[in-house]
């Protein structure tokens, strides 16, 4: 399901249940002693399952640090990306920490905390089918992979109509195909692609072309998504984020995964 179709469905549901801005429904402030956080669990190094089946990654560590500052107990729940906003609106979870970009399109449906990292997009290509020209003309007819329902998917649909765009349920699936020589390029975040290269599976791959910038499609960074009615939870998370940025906790988590700042 594309991001456009997903958001249209979510907007319809939100209007029906009175969740969008302008609704007279107000959620009562809660103590938020327990917070159910949805994440994909298929996007290493940001969120993934380790050998024991536990959810790990940068998103998880940041969310856990925020909960610790709030004195709240976090429960992490793995949900497929294309259904995670609906799970939030259906009250199956209370927040989404899965490297979700803060875009105007998504803000019609959900609220966001302040950004907790900057999600720069970049093409990646591998030996055997290496491409250096990543302009629309250079990738005309080429097979490009990305995760369906993401801002990268929207970007390719907008600017790379003459390419063979292939969407996947997870970015890990797209990386597997490019490593196997079935794609010419993938479009994802720089940090995510760095993790793929570092893992060894992408040792023959590299970032190609220039960093892509488009605030309208890619948004203003990555935040934790929340229901629009839960403004008290948003404010608590934002206060906790300021604390971990100030006391060095954020920097320590960043260094655990990346040799460069992604904030």
C-alpha atoms as a PDB file:
ATOM      1  CA  UNK A   1       0.000   0.000   0.000  1.00  0.00           C
ATOM      2  CA  UNK A   2       1.482   3.359  -1.003  1.00  0.00           C
ATOM      3  CA  UNK A   3       1.910   6.176   1.485  1.00  0.00           C
ATOM      4  CA  UNK A   4      -0.823   8.131  -0.306  1.00  0.00           C
ATOM      5  CA  UNK A   5      -3.340   5.289  -0.019  1.00  0.00           C
ATOM      6  CA  UNK A   6      -2.353   4.560   3.575  1.00  0.00           C
ATOM      7  CA  UNK A   7      -2.798   8.162   4.619  1.00  0.00           C
ATOM      8  CA  UNK A   8      -6.077   8.534   2.763  1.00  0.00           C
ATOM      9  CA  UNK A   9      -7.423   5.526   4.661  1.00  0.00           C
ATOM     10  CA  UNK A  10      -6.100   6.857   7.965  1.00  0.00           C
ATOM     11  CA  UNK A  11      -7.562  10.328   7.318  1.00  0.00           C
ATOM     12  CA  UNK A  12     -10.969   8.813   6.575  1.00  0.00           C
ATOM     13  CA  UNK A  13     -10.848   6.837   9.800  1.00  0.00           C
ATOM     14  CA  UNK A  14      -9.662   9.876  11.731  1.00  0.00           C
ATOM     15  CA  UNK A  15     -12.494  12.023  10.403  1.00  0.00           C
ATOM     16  CA  UNK A  16     -15.007   9.332  11.241  1.00  0.00           C
ATOM     17  CA  UNK A  17     -13.809   9.007  14.813  1.00  0.00           C
ATOM     18  CA  UNK A  18     -13.067  12.703  15.381  1.00  0.00           C
ATOM     19  CA  UNK A  19      -9.305  12.497  15.755  1.00  0.00           C
ATOM     20  CA  UNK A  20      -8.211  15.270  13.403  1.00  0.00           C
ATOM     21  CA  UNK A  21      -7.588  18.906  14.308  1.00  0.00           C
ATOM     22  CA  UNK A  22     -10.855  20.697  14.897  1.00  0.00           C
ATOM     23  CA  UNK A  23     -12.425  17.746  16.699  1.00  0.00           C
ATOM     24  CA  UNK A  24     -14.199  18.517  19.937  1.00  0.00           C
ATOM     25  CA  UNK A  25     -12.975  15.238  21.410  1.00  0.00           C
ATOM     26  CA  UNK A  26     -10.236  15.803  23.991  1.00  0.00           C
ATOM     27  CA  UNK A  27      -8.190  12.963  25.429  1.00  0.00           C
ATOM     28  CA  UNK A  28      -7.842  13.170  29.210  1.00  0.00           C
ATOM     29  CA  UNK A  29      -4.307  13.655  30.452  1.00  0.00           C
ATOM     30  CA  UNK A  30      -2.807  10.372  31.610  1.00  0.00           C
ATOM     31  CA  UNK A  31      -0.017   9.499  33.949  1.00  0.00           C
ATOM     32  CA  UNK A  32       1.722   7.575  31.134  1.00  0.00           C
ATOM     33  CA  UNK A  33       3.388   5.204  33.573  1.00  0.00           C
ATOM     34  CA  UNK A  34       3.301   2.589  30.807  1.00  0.00           C
ATOM     35  CA  UNK A  35       3.736   3.435  27.124  1.00  0.00           C
ATOM     36  CA  UNK A  36       3.201   0.970  24.286  1.00  0.00           C
ATOM     37  CA  UNK A  37       5.585   1.892  21.468  1.00  0.00           C
ATOM     38  CA  UNK A  38       5.205   0.495  17.972  1.00  0.00           C
ATOM     39  CA  UNK A  39       8.229  -0.107  15.769  1.00  0.00           C
ATOM     40  CA  UNK A  40       8.850  -2.050  12.592  1.00  0.00           C
ATOM     41  CA  UNK A  41      11.640  -4.341  13.764  1.00  0.00           C
ATOM     42  CA  UNK A  42      12.993  -4.780  10.235  1.00  0.00           C
ATOM     43  CA  UNK A  43      15.249  -1.780   9.641  1.00  0.00           C
ATOM     44  CA  UNK A  44      18.674  -2.361  11.166  1.00  0.00           C
ATOM     45  CA  UNK A  45      20.454  -0.542  12.717  1.00  0.00           C
ATOM     46  CA  UNK A  46      17.429   1.567  13.695  1.00  0.00           C
ATOM     47  CA  UNK A  47      15.016  -1.178  14.720  1.00  0.00           C
ATOM     48  CA  UNK A  48      15.500  -4.925  14.351  1.00  0.00           C
ATOM     49  CA  UNK A  49      15.233  -8.252  16.156  1.00  0.00           C
ATOM     50  CA  UNK A  50      18.437  -9.654  17.641  1.00  0.00           C
ATOM     51  CA  UNK A  51      19.327 -13.357  17.740  1.00  0.00           C
ATOM     52  CA  UNK A  52      17.124 -13.862  20.797  1.00  0.00           C
ATOM     53  CA  UNK A  53      14.145 -12.139  19.163  1.00  0.00           C
ATOM     54  CA  UNK A  54      14.417  -8.941  21.210  1.00  0.00           C
ATOM     55  CA  UNK A  55      13.829  -5.577  19.557  1.00  0.00           C
ATOM     56  CA  UNK A  56      17.048  -3.550  19.337  1.00  0.00           C
ATOM     57  CA  UNK A  57      18.410  -0.516  17.538  1.00  0.00           C
ATOM     58  CA  UNK A  58      18.828   3.233  17.599  1.00  0.00           C
ATOM     59  CA  UNK A  59      15.073   3.937  17.647  1.00  0.00           C
ATOM     60  CA  UNK A  60      14.602   1.530  20.533  1.00  0.00           C
ATOM     61  CA  UNK A  61      17.484   2.934  22.581  1.00  0.00           C
ATOM     62  CA  UNK A  62      16.316   6.519  22.118  1.00  0.00           C
ATOM     63  CA  UNK A  63      12.715   5.677  23.036  1.00  0.00           C
ATOM     64  CA  UNK A  64      13.889   3.705  26.070  1.00  0.00           C
ATOM     65  CA  UNK A  65      16.032   6.629  27.225  1.00  0.00           C
ATOM     66  CA  UNK A  66      13.009   8.934  26.941  1.00  0.00           C
ATOM     67  CA  UNK A  67      10.866   6.549  28.960  1.00  0.00           C
ATOM     68  CA  UNK A  68      13.588   6.322  31.605  1.00  0.00           C
ATOM     69  CA  UNK A  69      13.629  10.113  31.953  1.00  0.00           C
ATOM     70  CA  UNK A  70       9.833  10.090  32.270  1.00  0.00           C
ATOM     71  CA  UNK A  71       9.850   7.277  34.824  1.00  0.00           C
ATOM     72  CA  UNK A  72       7.655   5.249  32.471  1.00  0.00           C
ATOM     73  CA  UNK A  73       7.757   1.574  31.535  1.00  0.00           C
ATOM     74  CA  UNK A  74       8.122   1.037  27.798  1.00  0.00           C
ATOM     75  CA  UNK A  75       6.645  -1.921  25.961  1.00  0.00           C
ATOM     76  CA  UNK A  76       7.919  -2.273  22.394  1.00  0.00           C
ATOM     77  CA  UNK A  77       5.612  -3.905  19.856  1.00  0.00           C
ATOM     78  CA  UNK A  78       6.666  -4.923  16.330  1.00  0.00           C
ATOM     79  CA  UNK A  79       4.155  -3.876  13.667  1.00  0.00           C
ATOM     80  CA  UNK A  80       4.538  -3.792   9.879  1.00  0.00           C
ATOM     81  CA  UNK A  81       5.207  -0.278   8.635  1.00  0.00           C
ATOM     82  CA  UNK A  82       2.179  -0.098   6.336  1.00  0.00           C
ATOM     83  CA  UNK A  83      -0.198  -0.713   9.246  1.00  0.00           C
ATOM     84  CA  UNK A  84       1.507   1.139  12.069  1.00  0.00           C
ATOM     85  CA  UNK A  85      -0.395   4.450  11.826  1.00  0.00           C
ATOM     86  CA  UNK A  86      -3.725   2.626  11.896  1.00  0.00           C
ATOM     87  CA  UNK A  87      -2.515   0.653  14.936  1.00  0.00           C
ATOM     88  CA  UNK A  88      -1.845   3.986  16.661  1.00  0.00           C
ATOM     89  CA  UNK A  89      -5.263   5.377  15.765  1.00  0.00           C
ATOM     90  CA  UNK A  90      -6.908   2.132  16.908  1.00  0.00           C
ATOM     91  CA  UNK A  91      -5.200   2.494  20.329  1.00  0.00           C
ATOM     92  CA  UNK A  92      -3.220  -0.727  19.922  1.00  0.00           C
ATOM     93  CA  UNK A  93      -0.120   1.368  20.666  1.00  0.00           C
ATOM     94  CA  UNK A  94       0.485   4.814  22.166  1.00  0.00           C
ATOM     95  CA  UNK A  95       3.419   6.003  20.068  1.00  0.00           C
ATOM     96  CA  UNK A  96       5.472   5.116  16.990  1.00  0.00           C
ATOM     97  CA  UNK A  97       9.278   5.027  17.095  1.00  0.00           C
ATOM     98  CA  UNK A  98      10.272   3.571  13.752  1.00  0.00           C
ATOM     99  CA  UNK A  99      12.334   6.263  11.984  1.00  0.00           C
ATOM    100  CA  UNK A 100       9.180   7.967  10.703  1.00  0.00           C
ATOM    101  CA  UNK A 101       9.799  11.247   8.891  1.00  0.00           C
ATOM    102  CA  UNK A 102       7.863  14.315  10.007  1.00  0.00           C
ATOM    103  CA  UNK A 103       6.041  15.272   6.804  1.00  0.00           C
ATOM    104  CA  UNK A 104       3.110  17.598   6.186  1.00  0.00           C
ATOM    105  CA  UNK A 105       1.156  14.667   4.770  1.00  0.00           C
ATOM    106  CA  UNK A 106       1.552  12.604   7.930  1.00  0.00           C
ATOM    107  CA  UNK A 107       0.869  15.608  10.162  1.00  0.00           C
ATOM    108  CA  UNK A 108      -2.677  15.639   8.783  1.00  0.00           C
ATOM    109  CA  UNK A 109      -3.216  12.358  10.612  1.00  0.00           C
ATOM    110  CA  UNK A 110      -0.803  12.208  13.561  1.00  0.00           C
ATOM    111  CA  UNK A 111       1.177  14.515  15.817  1.00  0.00           C
ATOM    112  CA  UNK A 112       4.943  14.336  16.241  1.00  0.00           C
ATOM    113  CA  UNK A 113       7.533  15.063  18.884  1.00  0.00           C
ATOM    114  CA  UNK A 114      10.502  17.231  18.025  1.00  0.00           C
ATOM    115  CA  UNK A 115      12.972  15.485  15.717  1.00  0.00           C
ATOM    116  CA  UNK A 116      15.349  12.986  17.252  1.00  0.00           C
ATOM    117  CA  UNK A 117      17.474  12.624  14.125  1.00  0.00           C
ATOM    118  CA  UNK A 118      17.831  13.917  10.570  1.00  0.00           C
ATOM    119  CA  UNK A 119      17.008  11.367   7.890  1.00  0.00           C
ATOM    120  CA  UNK A 120      19.037  12.376   4.823  1.00  0.00           C
ATOM    121  CA  UNK A 121      18.250  10.320   1.692  1.00  0.00           C
ATOM    122  CA  UNK A 122      20.836   8.948  -0.680  1.00  0.00           C
ATOM    123  CA  UNK A 123      21.010   6.391  -3.480  1.00  0.00           C
ATOM    124  CA  UNK A 124      23.110   3.270  -2.948  1.00  0.00           C
ATOM    125  CA  UNK A 125      24.476   1.064  -5.726  1.00  0.00           C
ATOM    126  CA  UNK A 126      26.673  -2.039  -5.832  1.00  0.00           C
ATOM    127  CA  UNK A 127      29.423  -3.529  -7.967  1.00  0.00           C
ATOM    128  CA  UNK A 128      28.185  -5.521 -10.927  1.00  0.00           C
ATOM    129  CA  UNK A 129      25.320  -3.098 -11.594  1.00  0.00           C
ATOM    130  CA  UNK A 130      26.992   0.053 -10.291  1.00  0.00           C
ATOM    131  CA  UNK A 131      25.432   3.333 -11.419  1.00  0.00           C
ATOM    132  CA  UNK A 132      27.016   6.721 -10.772  1.00  0.00           C
ATOM    133  CA  UNK A 133      24.531   8.998 -12.541  1.00  0.00           C
ATOM    134  CA  UNK A 134      21.530   9.155 -10.206  1.00  0.00           C
ATOM    135  CA  UNK A 135      19.597  11.825 -12.082  1.00  0.00           C
ATOM    136  CA  UNK A 136      16.181  10.810 -13.456  1.00  0.00           C
ATOM    137  CA  UNK A 137      17.759  10.580 -16.918  1.00  0.00           C
ATOM    138  CA  UNK A 138      20.639   8.481 -15.602  1.00  0.00           C
ATOM    139  CA  UNK A 139      18.294   6.008 -13.915  1.00  0.00           C
ATOM    140  CA  UNK A 140      15.766   5.821 -16.759  1.00  0.00           C
ATOM    141  CA  UNK A 141      14.776   2.177 -17.193  1.00  0.00           C
ATOM    142  CA  UNK A 142      16.899   1.119 -14.221  1.00  0.00           C
ATOM    143  CA  UNK A 143      15.554  -1.001 -11.367  1.00  0.00           C
ATOM    144  CA  UNK A 144      15.336   1.060  -8.165  1.00  0.00           C
ATOM    145  CA  UNK A 145      14.226  -0.434  -4.875  1.00  0.00           C
ATOM    146  CA  UNK A 146      12.800   1.212  -1.769  1.00  0.00           C
ATOM    147  CA  UNK A 147      10.342   0.500   1.002  1.00  0.00           C
ATOM    148  CA  UNK A 148       6.721   0.995   0.013  1.00  0.00           C
ATOM    149  CA  UNK A 149       4.680   3.636   1.809  1.00  0.00           C
ATOM    150  CA  UNK A 150       7.701   5.769   2.716  1.00  0.00           C
ATOM    151  CA  UNK A 151       8.782   9.277   1.776  1.00  0.00           C
ATOM    152  CA  UNK A 152      11.458   7.718  -0.448  1.00  0.00           C
ATOM    153  CA  UNK A 153       8.686   5.873  -2.302  1.00  0.00           C
ATOM    154  CA  UNK A 154       6.833   9.178  -2.789  1.00  0.00           C
ATOM    155  CA  UNK A 155      10.029  10.822  -4.053  1.00  0.00           C
ATOM    156  CA  UNK A 156      10.629   8.128  -6.656  1.00  0.00           C
ATOM    157  CA  UNK A 157       7.004   8.272  -7.791  1.00  0.00           C
ATOM    158  CA  UNK A 158       7.312  12.045  -8.204  1.00  0.00           C
ATOM    159  CA  UNK A 159      10.668  12.313  -9.978  1.00  0.00           C
ATOM    160  CA  UNK A 160      11.656   8.885 -11.363  1.00  0.00           C
ATOM    161  CA  UNK A 161       8.564   7.855 -13.336  1.00  0.00           C
ATOM    162  CA  UNK A 162      10.690   6.421 -16.162  1.00  0.00           C
ATOM    163  CA  UNK A 163      12.577   4.088 -13.837  1.00  0.00           C
ATOM    164  CA  UNK A 164      11.546   0.562 -12.861  1.00  0.00           C
ATOM    165  CA  UNK A 165      10.484   1.345  -9.285  1.00  0.00           C
ATOM    166  CA  UNK A 166      10.195  -1.725  -7.072  1.00  0.00           C
ATOM    167  CA  UNK A 167       8.727  -1.401  -3.589  1.00  0.00           C
ATOM    168  CA  UNK A 168       9.357  -3.766  -0.691  1.00  0.00           C
ATOM    169  CA  UNK A 169       7.715  -4.428   2.655  1.00  0.00           C
ATOM    170  CA  UNK A 170      11.009  -3.624   4.397  1.00  0.00           C
ATOM    171  CA  UNK A 171      14.273  -1.938   3.430  1.00  0.00           C
ATOM    172  CA  UNK A 172      16.089  -5.117   4.445  1.00  0.00           C
ATOM    173  CA  UNK A 173      14.260  -6.902   1.597  1.00  0.00           C
ATOM    174  CA  UNK A 174      15.416  -4.206  -0.836  1.00  0.00           C
ATOM    175  CA  UNK A 175      18.999  -4.497   0.404  1.00  0.00           C
ATOM    176  CA  UNK A 176      18.901  -8.266  -0.070  1.00  0.00           C
ATOM    177  CA  UNK A 177      17.848  -7.806  -3.699  1.00  0.00           C
ATOM    178  CA  UNK A 178      20.545  -5.255  -4.509  1.00  0.00           C
ATOM    179  CA  UNK A 179      23.188  -7.431  -2.846  1.00  0.00           C
ATOM    180  CA  UNK A 180      21.980 -10.320  -5.037  1.00  0.00           C
ATOM    181  CA  UNK A 181      22.317  -8.195  -8.180  1.00  0.00           C
ATOM    182  CA  UNK A 182      18.599  -7.802  -8.849  1.00  0.00           C
ATOM    183  CA  UNK A 183      18.562  -3.995  -8.535  1.00  0.00           C
ATOM    184  CA  UNK A 184      20.638  -1.143  -9.939  1.00  0.00           C
ATOM    185  CA  UNK A 185      20.083   1.137  -6.929  1.00  0.00           C
ATOM    186  CA  UNK A 186      18.118   1.570  -3.747  1.00  0.00           C
ATOM    187  CA  UNK A 187      16.905   4.792  -2.183  1.00  0.00           C
ATOM    188  CA  UNK A 188      17.007   5.009   1.593  1.00  0.00           C
ATOM    189  CA  UNK A 189      18.482   7.092   4.378  1.00  0.00           C
ATOM    190  CA  UNK A 190      22.232   7.610   4.505  1.00  0.00           C
ATOM    191  CA  UNK A 191      22.404   6.197   8.025  1.00  0.00           C
ATOM    192  CA  UNK A 192      20.377   3.101   7.127  1.00  0.00           C
ATOM    193  CA  UNK A 193      22.544   2.438   4.076  1.00  0.00           C
ATOM    194  CA  UNK A 194      25.659   2.954   6.193  1.00  0.00           C
ATOM    195  CA  UNK A 195      24.416   0.206   8.499  1.00  0.00           C
ATOM    196  CA  UNK A 196      23.906  -2.111   5.505  1.00  0.00           C
ATOM    197  CA  UNK A 197      27.416  -1.450   4.196  1.00  0.00           C
ATOM    198  CA  UNK A 198      28.960  -1.887   7.643  1.00  0.00           C
ATOM    199  CA  UNK A 199      27.123  -5.174   8.199  1.00  0.00           C
ATOM    200  CA  UNK A 200      29.250  -6.790   5.505  1.00  0.00           C
ATOM    201  CA  UNK A 201      26.307  -7.699   3.299  1.00  0.00           C
ATOM    202  CA  UNK A 202      26.851  -4.435   1.444  1.00  0.00           C
ATOM    203  CA  UNK A 203      30.654  -4.476   1.398  1.00  0.00           C
ATOM    204  CA  UNK A 204      30.653  -4.080  -2.406  1.00  0.00           C
ATOM    205  CA  UNK A 205      28.162  -1.212  -2.306  1.00  0.00           C
ATOM    206  CA  UNK A 206      28.504   2.520  -1.849  1.00  0.00           C
ATOM    207  CA  UNK A 207      26.485   5.727  -1.712  1.00  0.00           C
ATOM    208  CA  UNK A 208      26.247   7.311  -5.159  1.00  0.00           C
ATOM    209  CA  UNK A 209      25.162  10.700  -6.411  1.00  0.00           C
ATOM    210  CA  UNK A 210      24.384  13.617  -4.143  1.00  0.00           C
ATOM    211  CA  UNK A 211      22.389  13.808  -0.917  1.00  0.00           C
ATOM    212  CA  UNK A 212      18.742  14.377  -1.818  1.00  0.00           C
ATOM    213  CA  UNK A 213      16.970  17.344  -0.252  1.00  0.00           C
ATOM    214  CA  UNK A 214      13.223  17.939  -0.549  1.00  0.00           C
ATOM    215  CA  UNK A 215      11.553  19.289   2.585  1.00  0.00           C
ATOM    216  CA  UNK A 216       8.057  18.907   1.126  1.00  0.00           C
ATOM    217  CA  UNK A 217       8.426  15.155   0.627  1.00  0.00           C
ATOM    218  CA  UNK A 218      11.133  14.188   3.122  1.00  0.00           C
ATOM    219  CA  UNK A 219       9.935  16.465   5.912  1.00  0.00           C
ATOM    220  CA  UNK A 220      11.825  18.101   8.754  1.00  0.00           C
ATOM    221  CA  UNK A 221      13.499  15.138  10.398  1.00  0.00           C
ATOM    222  CA  UNK A 222      12.401  12.003  12.224  1.00  0.00           C
ATOM    223  CA  UNK A 223      10.105  12.136  15.235  1.00  0.00           C
ATOM    224  CA  UNK A 224       7.968   9.920  17.432  1.00  0.00           C
ATOM    225  CA  UNK A 225       4.401   9.847  16.117  1.00  0.00           C
ATOM    226  CA  UNK A 226       1.440  10.209  18.458  1.00  0.00           C
ATOM    227  CA  UNK A 227      -2.313  10.628  18.353  1.00  0.00           C
ATOM    228  CA  UNK A 228      -3.280  14.284  17.976  1.00  0.00           C
ATOM    229  CA  UNK A 229      -5.241  14.121  21.229  1.00  0.00           C
ATOM    230  CA  UNK A 230      -2.241  13.031  23.327  1.00  0.00           C
ATOM    231  CA  UNK A 231      -0.581  16.424  23.611  1.00  0.00           C
ATOM    232  CA  UNK A 232       0.448  15.711  27.203  1.00  0.00           C
ATOM    233  CA  UNK A 233       2.443  12.670  26.105  1.00  0.00           C
ATOM    234  CA  UNK A 234       4.053  14.703  23.311  1.00  0.00           C
ATOM    235  CA  UNK A 235       5.106  17.404  25.801  1.00  0.00           C
ATOM    236  CA  UNK A 236       6.560  14.810  28.206  1.00  0.00           C
ATOM    237  CA  UNK A 237       8.546  13.156  25.433  1.00  0.00           C
ATOM    238  CA  UNK A 238       9.839  16.502  24.158  1.00  0.00           C
ATOM    239  CA  UNK A 239      10.986  17.465  27.661  1.00  0.00           C
ATOM    240  CA  UNK A 240      12.745  14.107  28.019  1.00  0.00           C
ATOM    241  CA  UNK A 241      14.386  14.540  24.604  1.00  0.00           C
ATOM    242  CA  UNK A 242      15.825  17.885  25.669  1.00  0.00           C
ATOM    243  CA  UNK A 243      17.254  16.181  28.768  1.00  0.00           C
ATOM    244  CA  UNK A 244      19.028  13.367  26.916  1.00  0.00           C
ATOM    245  CA  UNK A 245      20.436  15.846  24.390  1.00  0.00           C
ATOM    246  CA  UNK A 246      21.822  17.977  27.219  1.00  0.00           C
ATOM    247  CA  UNK A 247      23.245  15.279  29.495  1.00  0.00           C
ATOM    248  CA  UNK A 248      25.187  13.270  26.891  1.00  0.00           C
ATOM    249  CA  UNK A 249      22.831  10.287  26.730  1.00  0.00           C
ATOM    250  CA  UNK A 250      21.847  11.012  23.137  1.00  0.00           C
ATOM    251  CA  UNK A 251      25.475  11.375  22.051  1.00  0.00           C
ATOM    252  CA  UNK A 252      26.379   8.038  23.657  1.00  0.00           C
ATOM    253  CA  UNK A 253      23.538   6.248  21.848  1.00  0.00           C
ATOM    254  CA  UNK A 254      24.497   7.911  18.562  1.00  0.00           C
ATOM    255  CA  UNK A 255      28.130   6.749  18.916  1.00  0.00           C
ATOM    256  CA  UNK A 256      26.964   3.198  19.627  1.00  0.00           C
ATOM    257  CA  UNK A 257      25.615   2.963  16.083  1.00  0.00           C
ATOM    258  CA  UNK A 258      27.323   5.621  13.957  1.00  0.00           C
ATOM    259  CA  UNK A 259      30.780   7.269  13.839  1.00  0.00           C
ATOM    260  CA  UNK A 260      29.084  10.553  12.858  1.00  0.00           C
ATOM    261  CA  UNK A 261      26.255  12.580  14.325  1.00  0.00           C
ATOM    262  CA  UNK A 262      22.849  11.949  12.783  1.00  0.00           C
ATOM    263  CA  UNK A 263      21.070  14.580  14.865  1.00  0.00           C
END
